[in-house]
Amino acid sequence: MIQASTFRHRALGTLIRLQADGSPALDLLPREAGTIALALLALSDGRSAESEIYLSPMASDHALHATASHGGIRLGDQFLDWDQVRQLATLLADSAKAS
């Protein structure tokens, strides 16, 4: 399961924490979360031929690395089908807009 929550950092402002079971939490700036959401949607809709998404967030000690296959993406220890990928993209986009 992957969850996203927002919190306030004293220097960076509002951040979005992305937490996947079995993986370290990633703290994202709202623009980073929005960028990841766009990339996930492009992959899930077949508008991108990329096979990987990589982002080293400014506010996190860990990087986001997602690998795409024909049935979805692998994010950390989790495999998400395309419906789950679209749900995650929506969650990230909504969190970014609310920040």
PDB file of N, CA and C in Angstrom:
ATOM      1  N   MET A   1       0.838  -1.186   0.000  1.00  0.00           N
ATOM      2  CA  MET A   1       0.000   0.000   0.000  1.00  0.00           C
ATOM      3  C   MET A   1       0.884   1.251   0.000  1.00  0.00           C
ATOM      4  N   ILE A   2       0.464   2.243  -0.744  1.00  0.00           N
ATOM      5  CA  ILE A   2       1.193   3.502  -0.828  1.00  0.00           C
ATOM      6  C   ILE A   2       0.288   4.621  -0.316  1.00  0.00           C
ATOM      7  N   GLN A   3       0.845   5.450   0.545  1.00  0.00           N
ATOM      8  CA  GLN A   3       0.089   6.558   1.118  1.00  0.00           C
ATOM      9  C   GLN A   3       0.826   7.864   0.871  1.00  0.00           C
ATOM     10  N   ALA A   4       0.065   8.940   0.788  1.00  0.00           N
ATOM     11  CA  ALA A   4       0.643  10.278   0.677  1.00  0.00           C
ATOM     12  C   ALA A   4       0.007  11.158   1.743  1.00  0.00           C
ATOM     13  N   SER A   5       0.840  11.939   2.406  1.00  0.00           N
ATOM     14  CA  SER A   5       0.344  12.875   3.409  1.00  0.00           C
ATOM     15  C   SER A   5       1.151  14.165   3.293  1.00  0.00           C
ATOM     16  N   THR A   6       0.611  15.226   3.805  1.00  0.00           N
ATOM     17  CA  THR A   6       1.318  16.511   3.762  1.00  0.00           C
ATOM     18  C   THR A   6       1.751  16.893   5.173  1.00  0.00           C
ATOM     19  N   PHE A   7       2.846  17.621   5.230  1.00  0.00           N
ATOM     20  CA  PHE A   7       3.314  18.171   6.499  1.00  0.00           C
ATOM     21  C   PHE A   7       4.110  19.434   6.206  1.00  0.00           C
ATOM     22  N   ARG A   8       4.359  20.194   7.230  1.00  0.00           N
ATOM     23  CA  ARG A   8       5.056  21.473   7.075  1.00  0.00           C
ATOM     24  C   ARG A   8       6.492  21.338   7.576  1.00  0.00           C
ATOM     25  N   HIS A   9       7.426  21.690   6.715  1.00  0.00           N
ATOM     26  CA  HIS A   9       8.849  21.729   7.062  1.00  0.00           C
ATOM     27  C   HIS A   9       9.194  23.171   7.409  1.00  0.00           C
ATOM     28  N   ARG A  10       9.985  23.371   8.432  1.00  0.00           N
ATOM     29  CA  ARG A  10      10.246  24.741   8.895  1.00  0.00           C
ATOM     30  C   ARG A  10      10.963  25.613   7.861  1.00  0.00           C
ATOM     31  N   ALA A  11      11.758  25.012   6.973  1.00  0.00           N
ATOM     32  CA  ALA A  11      12.483  25.802   5.971  1.00  0.00           C
ATOM     33  C   ALA A  11      11.903  25.660   4.565  1.00  0.00           C
ATOM     34  N   LEU A  12      11.376  24.491   4.233  1.00  0.00           N
ATOM     35  CA  LEU A  12      10.925  24.226   2.864  1.00  0.00           C
ATOM     36  C   LEU A  12       9.425  24.414   2.654  1.00  0.00           C
ATOM     37  N   GLY A  13       8.697  24.626   3.730  1.00  0.00           N
ATOM     38  CA  GLY A  13       7.249  24.808   3.596  1.00  0.00           C
ATOM     39  C   GLY A  13       6.530  23.469   3.541  1.00  0.00           C
ATOM     40  N   THR A  14       5.436  23.437   2.830  1.00  0.00           N
ATOM     41  CA  THR A  14       4.628  22.228   2.744  1.00  0.00           C
ATOM     42  C   THR A  14       5.325  21.173   1.888  1.00  0.00           C
ATOM     43  N   LEU A  15       5.399  19.964   2.425  1.00  0.00           N
ATOM     44  CA  LEU A  15       5.962  18.831   1.715  1.00  0.00           C
ATOM     45  C   LEU A  15       4.954  17.696   1.669  1.00  0.00           C
ATOM     46  N   ILE A  16       5.124  16.824   0.715  1.00  0.00           N
ATOM     47  CA  ILE A  16       4.257  15.656   0.564  1.00  0.00           C
ATOM     48  C   ILE A  16       5.106  14.426   0.839  1.00  0.00           C
ATOM     49  N   ARG A  17       4.678  13.640   1.819  1.00  0.00           N
ATOM     50  CA  ARG A  17       5.413  12.417   2.163  1.00  0.00           C
ATOM     51  C   ARG A  17       4.750  11.237   1.467  1.00  0.00           C
ATOM     52  N   LEU A  18       5.520  10.556   0.637  1.00  0.00           N
ATOM     53  CA  LEU A  18       5.066   9.361  -0.075  1.00  0.00           C
ATOM     54  C   LEU A  18       5.662   8.162   0.647  1.00  0.00           C
ATOM     55  N   GLN A  19       4.786   7.287   1.143  1.00  0.00           N
ATOM     56  CA  GLN A  19       5.237   6.132   1.912  1.00  0.00           C
ATOM     57  C   GLN A  19       4.679   4.856   1.306  1.00  0.00           C
ATOM     58  N   ALA A  20       5.575   3.992   0.845  1.00  0.00           N
ATOM     59  CA  ALA A  20       5.195   2.680   0.317  1.00  0.00           C
ATOM     60  C   ALA A  20       5.657   1.628   1.308  1.00  0.00           C
ATOM     61  N   ASP A  21       4.835   0.610   1.520  1.00  0.00           N
ATOM     62  CA  ASP A  21       5.220  -0.480   2.416  1.00  0.00           C
ATOM     63  C   ASP A  21       6.569  -1.038   1.994  1.00  0.00           C
ATOM     64  N   GLY A  22       7.464  -1.199   2.949  1.00  0.00           N
ATOM     65  CA  GLY A  22       8.756  -1.802   2.660  1.00  0.00           C
ATOM     66  C   GLY A  22       9.781  -0.861   2.051  1.00  0.00           C
ATOM     67  N   SER A  23       9.451   0.424   1.915  1.00  0.00           N
ATOM     68  CA  SER A  23      10.378   1.394   1.328  1.00  0.00           C
ATOM     69  C   SER A  23      10.499   2.600   2.247  1.00  0.00           C
ATOM     70  N   PRO A  24      11.636   3.286   2.202  1.00  0.00           N
ATOM     71  CA  PRO A  24      11.765   4.516   2.999  1.00  0.00           C
ATOM     72  C   PRO A  24      10.799   5.589   2.487  1.00  0.00           C
ATOM     73  N   ALA A  25      10.382   6.446   3.391  1.00  0.00           N
ATOM     74  CA  ALA A  25       9.492   7.553   3.013  1.00  0.00           C
ATOM     75  C   ALA A  25      10.245   8.531   2.118  1.00  0.00           C
ATOM     76  N   LEU A  26       9.523   9.108   1.162  1.00  0.00           N
ATOM     77  CA  LEU A  26      10.069  10.152   0.297  1.00  0.00           C
ATOM     78  C   LEU A  26       9.338  11.446   0.598  1.00  0.00           C
ATOM     79  N   ASP A  27      10.081  12.499   0.875  1.00  0.00           N
ATOM     80  CA  ASP A  27       9.505  13.815   1.103  1.00  0.00           C
ATOM     81  C   ASP A  27       9.679  14.629  -0.167  1.00  0.00           C
ATOM     82  N   LEU A  28       8.549  15.056  -0.731  1.00  0.00           N
ATOM     83  CA  LEU A  28       8.539  15.724  -2.031  1.00  0.00           C
ATOM     84  C   LEU A  28       8.056  17.161  -1.908  1.00  0.00           C
ATOM     85  N   LEU A  29       8.689  18.044  -2.654  1.00  0.00           N
ATOM     86  CA  LEU A  29       8.126  19.381  -2.839  1.00  0.00           C
ATOM     87  C   LEU A  29       6.854  19.233  -3.673  1.00  0.00           C
ATOM     88  N   PRO A  30       5.896  20.140  -3.534  1.00  0.00           N
ATOM     89  CA  PRO A  30       4.674  20.028  -4.336  1.00  0.00           C
ATOM     90  C   PRO A  30       4.943  19.930  -5.840  1.00  0.00           C
ATOM     91  N   ARG A  31       5.908  20.676  -6.349  1.00  0.00           N
ATOM     92  CA  ARG A  31       6.223  20.598  -7.794  1.00  0.00           C
ATOM     93  C   ARG A  31       6.780  19.226  -8.170  1.00  0.00           C
ATOM     94  N   GLU A  32       7.566  18.635  -7.281  1.00  0.00           N
ATOM     95  CA  GLU A  32       8.082  17.293  -7.543  1.00  0.00           C
ATOM     96  C   GLU A  32       6.942  16.284  -7.583  1.00  0.00           C
ATOM     97  N   ALA A  33       6.014  16.389  -6.636  1.00  0.00           N
ATOM     98  CA  ALA A  33       4.860  15.487  -6.612  1.00  0.00           C
ATOM     99  C   ALA A  33       4.029  15.658  -7.882  1.00  0.00           C
ATOM    100  N   GLY A  34       3.847  16.895  -8.326  1.00  0.00           N
ATOM    101  CA  GLY A  34       3.111  17.148  -9.564  1.00  0.00           C
ATOM    102  C   GLY A  34       3.813  16.582 -10.784  1.00  0.00           C
ATOM    103  N   THR A  35       5.131  16.687 -10.808  1.00  0.00           N
ATOM    104  CA  THR A  35       5.907  16.145 -11.923  1.00  0.00           C
ATOM    105  C   THR A  35       5.810  14.626 -11.973  1.00  0.00           C
ATOM    106  N   ILE A  36       5.912  13.988 -10.823  1.00  0.00           N
ATOM    107  CA  ILE A  36       5.775  12.535 -10.767  1.00  0.00           C
ATOM    108  C   ILE A  36       4.374  12.119 -11.210  1.00  0.00           C
ATOM    109  N   ALA A  37       3.365  12.863 -10.783  1.00  0.00           N
ATOM    110  CA  ALA A  37       1.989  12.558 -11.187  1.00  0.00           C
ATOM    111  C   ALA A  37       1.841  12.606 -12.708  1.00  0.00           C
ATOM    112  N   LEU A  38       2.398  13.627 -13.336  1.00  0.00           N
ATOM    113  CA  LEU A  38       2.327  13.741 -14.802  1.00  0.00           C
ATOM    114  C   LEU A  38       3.040  12.576 -15.484  1.00  0.00           C
ATOM    115  N   ALA A  39       4.210  12.207 -14.970  1.00  0.00           N
ATOM    116  CA  ALA A  39       4.965  11.092 -15.561  1.00  0.00           C
ATOM    117  C   ALA A  39       4.205   9.774 -15.411  1.00  0.00           C
ATOM    118  N   LEU A  40       3.606   9.555 -14.246  1.00  0.00           N
ATOM    119  CA  LEU A  40       2.832   8.326 -14.032  1.00  0.00           C
ATOM    120  C   LEU A  40       1.630   8.261 -14.964  1.00  0.00           C
ATOM    121  N   LEU A  41       0.946   9.390 -15.124  1.00  0.00           N
ATOM    122  CA  LEU A  41      -0.206   9.411 -16.036  1.00  0.00           C
ATOM    123  C   LEU A  41       0.211   9.173 -17.479  1.00  0.00           C
ATOM    124  N   ALA A  42       1.332   9.759 -17.885  1.00  0.00           N
ATOM    125  CA  ALA A  42       1.813   9.549 -19.259  1.00  0.00           C
ATOM    126  C   ALA A  42       2.126   8.078 -19.508  1.00  0.00           C
ATOM    127  N   LEU A  43       2.744   7.430 -18.540  1.00  0.00           N
ATOM    128  CA  LEU A  43       3.027   6.000 -18.680  1.00  0.00           C
ATOM    129  C   LEU A  43       1.741   5.182 -18.724  1.00  0.00           C
ATOM    130  N   SER A  44       0.829   5.472 -17.797  1.00  0.00           N
ATOM    131  CA  SER A  44      -0.390   4.663 -17.705  1.00  0.00           C
ATOM    132  C   SER A  44      -1.300   4.845 -18.911  1.00  0.00           C
ATOM    133  N   ASP A  45      -1.241   6.010 -19.527  1.00  0.00           N
ATOM    134  CA  ASP A  45      -2.078   6.282 -20.709  1.00  0.00           C
ATOM    135  C   ASP A  45      -1.389   5.904 -22.015  1.00  0.00           C
ATOM    136  N   GLY A  46      -0.163   5.405 -21.935  1.00  0.00           N
ATOM    137  CA  GLY A  46       0.564   5.014 -23.137  1.00  0.00           C
ATOM    138  C   GLY A  46       1.103   6.184 -23.937  1.00  0.00           C
ATOM    139  N   ARG A  47       1.196   7.371 -23.315  1.00  0.00           N
ATOM    140  CA  ARG A  47       1.706   8.554 -24.017  1.00  0.00           C
ATOM    141  C   ARG A  47       3.205   8.714 -23.881  1.00  0.00           C
ATOM    142  N   SER A  48       3.842   7.810 -23.138  1.00  0.00           N
ATOM    143  CA  SER A  48       5.285   7.883 -22.961  1.00  0.00           C
ATOM    144  C   SER A  48       5.900   6.515 -23.226  1.00  0.00           C
ATOM    145  N   ALA A  49       7.006   6.521 -23.923  1.00  0.00           N
ATOM    146  CA  ALA A  49       7.717   5.275 -24.204  1.00  0.00           C
ATOM    147  C   ALA A  49       8.779   4.993 -23.143  1.00  0.00           C
ATOM    148  N   GLU A  50       8.877   5.854 -22.145  1.00  0.00           N
ATOM    149  CA  GLU A  50       9.870   5.650 -21.088  1.00  0.00           C
ATOM    150  C   GLU A  50       9.578   4.361 -20.332  1.00  0.00           C
ATOM    151  N   SER A  51      10.610   3.764 -19.814  1.00  0.00           N
ATOM    152  CA  SER A  51      10.423   2.550 -19.025  1.00  0.00           C
ATOM    153  C   SER A  51      10.781   2.777 -17.555  1.00  0.00           C
ATOM    154  N   GLU A  52      11.303   3.955 -17.239  1.00  0.00           N
ATOM    155  CA  GLU A  52      11.680   4.254 -15.861  1.00  0.00           C
ATOM    156  C   GLU A  52      11.351   5.697 -15.507  1.00  0.00           C
ATOM    157  N   ILE A  53      11.036   5.889 -14.238  1.00  0.00           N
ATOM    158  CA  ILE A  53      10.901   7.228 -13.672  1.00  0.00           C
ATOM    159  C   ILE A  53      11.887   7.296 -12.523  1.00  0.00           C
ATOM    160  N   TYR A  54      12.708   8.326 -12.518  1.00  0.00           N
ATOM    161  CA  TYR A  54      13.684   8.508 -11.439  1.00  0.00           C
ATOM    162  C   TYR A  54      13.633   9.963 -10.997  1.00  0.00           C
ATOM    163  N   LEU A  55      13.599  10.156  -9.678  1.00  0.00           N
ATOM    164  CA  LEU A  55      13.647  11.510  -9.134  1.00  0.00           C
ATOM    165  C   LEU A  55      14.366  11.448  -7.800  1.00  0.00           C
ATOM    166  N   SER A  56      15.324  12.326  -7.612  1.00  0.00           N
ATOM    167  CA  SER A  56      16.000  12.474  -6.332  1.00  0.00           C
ATOM    168  C   SER A  56      15.457  13.750  -5.690  1.00  0.00           C
ATOM    169  N   PRO A  57      14.471  13.611  -4.815  1.00  0.00           N
ATOM    170  CA  PRO A  57      13.818  14.794  -4.248  1.00  0.00           C
ATOM    171  C   PRO A  57      14.768  15.648  -3.405  1.00  0.00           C
ATOM    172  N   MET A  58      14.566  16.950  -3.450  1.00  0.00           N
ATOM    173  CA  MET A  58      15.401  17.880  -2.692  1.00  0.00           C
ATOM    174  C   MET A  58      15.311  17.649  -1.191  1.00  0.00           C
ATOM    175  N   ALA A  59      14.141  17.294  -0.696  1.00  0.00           N
ATOM    176  CA  ALA A  59      13.909  17.217   0.745  1.00  0.00           C
ATOM    177  C   ALA A  59      14.032  15.799   1.297  1.00  0.00           C
ATOM    178  N   SER A  60      14.566  14.881   0.529  1.00  0.00           N
ATOM    179  CA  SER A  60      14.603  13.483   0.957  1.00  0.00           C
ATOM    180  C   SER A  60      15.988  12.897   0.776  1.00  0.00           C
ATOM    181  N   ASP A  61      16.312  11.941   1.625  1.00  0.00           N
ATOM    182  CA  ASP A  61      17.598  11.246   1.514  1.00  0.00           C
ATOM    183  C   ASP A  61      17.522  10.063   0.553  1.00  0.00           C
ATOM    184  N   HIS A  62      16.341   9.767   0.044  1.00  0.00           N
ATOM    185  CA  HIS A  62      16.138   8.616  -0.827  1.00  0.00           C
ATOM    186  C   HIS A  62      15.568   9.081  -2.164  1.00  0.00           C
ATOM    187  N   ALA A  63      15.733   8.253  -3.169  1.00  0.00           N
ATOM    188  CA  ALA A  63      15.248   8.587  -4.510  1.00  0.00           C
ATOM    189  C   ALA A  63      14.012   7.754  -4.849  1.00  0.00           C
ATOM    190  N   LEU A  64      13.198   8.293  -5.732  1.00  0.00           N
ATOM    191  CA  LEU A  64      12.066   7.547  -6.272  1.00  0.00           C
ATOM    192  C   LEU A  64      12.537   6.885  -7.561  1.00  0.00           C
ATOM    193  N   HIS A  65      12.335   5.591  -7.629  1.00  0.00           N
ATOM    194  CA  HIS A  65      12.692   4.853  -8.831  1.00  0.00           C
ATOM    195  C   HIS A  65      11.551   3.902  -9.144  1.00  0.00           C
ATOM    196  N   ALA A  66      10.906   4.114 -10.270  1.00  0.00           N
ATOM    197  CA  ALA A  66       9.793   3.267 -10.711  1.00  0.00           C
ATOM    198  C   ALA A  66      10.146   2.691 -12.076  1.00  0.00           C
ATOM    199  N   THR A  67       9.897   1.407 -12.239  1.00  0.00           N
ATOM    200  CA  THR A  67      10.172   0.721 -13.498  1.00  0.00           C
ATOM    201  C   THR A  67       8.856   0.241 -14.090  1.00  0.00           C
ATOM    202  N   ALA A  68       8.611   0.594 -15.355  1.00  0.00           N
ATOM    203  CA  ALA A  68       7.358   0.244 -16.019  1.00  0.00           C
ATOM    204  C   ALA A  68       7.479  -1.077 -16.765  1.00  0.00           C
ATOM    205  N   SER A  69       6.372  -1.788 -16.815  1.00  0.00           N
ATOM    206  CA  SER A  69       6.253  -2.986 -17.640  1.00  0.00           C
ATOM    207  C   SER A  69       4.896  -2.911 -18.332  1.00  0.00           C
ATOM    208  N   HIS A  70       4.536  -3.919 -19.090  1.00  0.00           N
ATOM    209  CA  HIS A  70       3.271  -3.843 -19.822  1.00  0.00           C
ATOM    210  C   HIS A  70       2.046  -3.831 -18.898  1.00  0.00           C
ATOM    211  N   GLY A  71       2.175  -4.320 -17.671  1.00  0.00           N
ATOM    212  CA  GLY A  71       1.014  -4.405 -16.787  1.00  0.00           C
ATOM    213  C   GLY A  71       0.948  -3.363 -15.698  1.00  0.00           C
ATOM    214  N   GLY A  72       2.006  -2.528 -15.565  1.00  0.00           N
ATOM    215  CA  GLY A  72       2.025  -1.527 -14.506  1.00  0.00           C
ATOM    216  C   GLY A  72       3.445  -1.100 -14.206  1.00  0.00           C
ATOM    217  N   ILE A  73       3.681  -0.679 -12.957  1.00  0.00           N
ATOM    218  CA  ILE A  73       5.017  -0.248 -12.550  1.00  0.00           C
ATOM    219  C   ILE A  73       5.416  -0.925 -11.248  1.00  0.00           C
ATOM    220  N   ARG A  74       6.719  -1.049 -11.070  1.00  0.00           N
ATOM    221  CA  ARG A  74       7.276  -1.493  -9.794  1.00  0.00           C
ATOM    222  C   ARG A  74       7.838  -0.254  -9.125  1.00  0.00           C
ATOM    223  N   LEU A  75       7.348  -0.007  -7.913  1.00  0.00           N
ATOM    224  CA  LEU A  75       7.787   1.132  -7.109  1.00  0.00           C
ATOM    225  C   LEU A  75       8.252   0.569  -5.769  1.00  0.00           C
ATOM    226  N   GLY A  76       9.552   0.561  -5.555  1.00  0.00           N
ATOM    227  CA  GLY A  76      10.081  -0.079  -4.355  1.00  0.00           C
ATOM    228  C   GLY A  76       9.792  -1.569  -4.405  1.00  0.00           C
ATOM    229  N   ASP A  77       9.236  -2.091  -3.339  1.00  0.00           N
ATOM    230  CA  ASP A  77       8.895  -3.510  -3.268  1.00  0.00           C
ATOM    231  C   ASP A  77       7.493  -3.803  -3.801  1.00  0.00           C
ATOM    232  N   GLN A  78       6.798  -2.796  -4.283  1.00  0.00           N
ATOM    233  CA  GLN A  78       5.405  -2.968  -4.677  1.00  0.00           C
ATOM    234  C   GLN A  78       5.228  -2.913  -6.185  1.00  0.00           C
ATOM    235  N   PHE A  79       4.309  -3.718  -6.680  1.00  0.00           N
ATOM    236  CA  PHE A  79       3.905  -3.643  -8.079  1.00  0.00           C
ATOM    237  C   PHE A  79       2.514  -3.036  -8.123  1.00  0.00           C
ATOM    238  N   LEU A  80       2.343  -1.997  -8.940  1.00  0.00           N
ATOM    239  CA  LEU A  80       1.054  -1.326  -9.104  1.00  0.00           C
ATOM    240  C   LEU A  80       0.560  -1.550 -10.521  1.00  0.00           C
ATOM    241  N   ASP A  81      -0.682  -2.026 -10.647  1.00  0.00           N
ATOM    242  CA  ASP A  81      -1.253  -2.131 -11.992  1.00  0.00           C
ATOM    243  C   ASP A  81      -1.624  -0.721 -12.455  1.00  0.00           C
ATOM    244  N   TRP A  82      -2.046  -0.596 -13.714  1.00  0.00           N
ATOM    245  CA  TRP A  82      -2.266   0.742 -14.270  1.00  0.00           C
ATOM    246  C   TRP A  82      -3.380   1.497 -13.559  1.00  0.00           C
ATOM    247  N   ASP A  83      -4.399   0.814 -13.065  1.00  0.00           N
ATOM    248  CA  ASP A  83      -5.444   1.505 -12.291  1.00  0.00           C
ATOM    249  C   ASP A  83      -4.863   2.075 -10.999  1.00  0.00           C
ATOM    250  N   GLN A  84      -4.018   1.311 -10.339  1.00  0.00           N
ATOM    251  CA  GLN A  84      -3.379   1.787  -9.116  1.00  0.00           C
ATOM    252  C   GLN A  84      -2.403   2.927  -9.409  1.00  0.00           C
ATOM    253  N   VAL A  85      -1.739   2.861 -10.549  1.00  0.00           N
ATOM    254  CA  VAL A  85      -0.827   3.935 -10.951  1.00  0.00           C
ATOM    255  C   VAL A  85      -1.616   5.234 -11.146  1.00  0.00           C
ATOM    256  N   ARG A  86      -2.761   5.154 -11.803  1.00  0.00           N
ATOM    257  CA  ARG A  86      -3.591   6.357 -12.006  1.00  0.00           C
ATOM    258  C   ARG A  86      -4.107   6.891 -10.672  1.00  0.00           C
ATOM    259  N   GLN A  87      -4.457   6.004  -9.748  1.00  0.00           N
ATOM    260  CA  GLN A  87      -4.899   6.448  -8.422  1.00  0.00           C
ATOM    261  C   GLN A  87      -3.771   7.167  -7.688  1.00  0.00           C
ATOM    262  N   LEU A  88      -2.566   6.617  -7.761  1.00  0.00           N
ATOM    263  CA  LEU A  88      -1.418   7.263  -7.129  1.00  0.00           C
ATOM    264  C   LEU A  88      -1.144   8.614  -7.772  1.00  0.00           C
ATOM    265  N   ALA A  89      -1.211   8.687  -9.084  1.00  0.00           N
ATOM    266  CA  ALA A  89      -0.984   9.959  -9.789  1.00  0.00           C
ATOM    267  C   ALA A  89      -2.010  11.003  -9.353  1.00  0.00           C
ATOM    268  N   THR A  90      -3.256  10.602  -9.227  1.00  0.00           N
ATOM    269  CA  THR A  90      -4.305  11.522  -8.785  1.00  0.00           C
ATOM    270  C   THR A  90      -4.057  11.982  -7.358  1.00  0.00           C
ATOM    271  N   LEU A  91      -3.673  11.055  -6.499  1.00  0.00           N
ATOM    272  CA  LEU A  91      -3.367  11.386  -5.105  1.00  0.00           C
ATOM    273  C   LEU A  91      -2.225  12.394  -5.019  1.00  0.00           C
ATOM    274  N   LEU A  92      -1.160  12.162  -5.786  1.00  0.00           N
ATOM    275  CA  LEU A  92      -0.028  13.093  -5.786  1.00  0.00           C
ATOM    276  C   LEU A  92      -0.408  14.448  -6.364  1.00  0.00           C
ATOM    277  N   ALA A  93      -1.149  14.445  -7.466  1.00  0.00           N
ATOM    278  CA  ALA A  93      -1.565  15.713  -8.088  1.00  0.00           C
ATOM    279  C   ALA A  93      -2.459  16.507  -7.146  1.00  0.00           C
ATOM    280  N   ASP A  94      -3.404  15.834  -6.510  1.00  0.00           N
ATOM    281  CA  ASP A  94      -4.300  16.515  -5.573  1.00  0.00           C
ATOM    282  C   ASP A  94      -3.539  17.075  -4.387  1.00  0.00           C
ATOM    283  N   SER A  95      -2.574  16.304  -3.873  1.00  0.00           N
ATOM    284  CA  SER A  95      -1.754  16.775  -2.751  1.00  0.00           C
ATOM    285  C   SER A  95      -0.917  17.985  -3.162  1.00  0.00           C
ATOM    286  N   ALA A  96      -0.390  17.951  -4.392  1.00  0.00           N
ATOM    287  CA  ALA A  96       0.424  19.070  -4.880  1.00  0.00           C
ATOM    288  C   ALA A  96      -0.419  20.330  -5.033  1.00  0.00           C
ATOM    289  N   LYS A  97      -1.636  20.177  -5.541  1.00  0.00           N
ATOM    290  CA  LYS A  97      -2.513  21.341  -5.733  1.00  0.00           C
ATOM    291  C   LYS A  97      -2.949  21.948  -4.404  1.00  0.00           C
ATOM    292  N   ALA A  98      -3.173  21.095  -3.403  1.00  0.00           N
ATOM    293  CA  ALA A  98      -3.646  21.558  -2.104  1.00  0.00           C
ATOM    294  C   ALA A  98      -2.539  22.257  -1.309  1.00  0.00           C
ATOM    295  N   SER A  99      -1.304  22.077  -1.740  1.00  0.00           N
ATOM    296  CA  SER A  99      -0.169  22.641  -0.972  1.00  0.00           C
ATOM    297  C   SER A  99       0.072  24.089  -1.309  1.00  0.00           C
TER     298      SER A  99
END
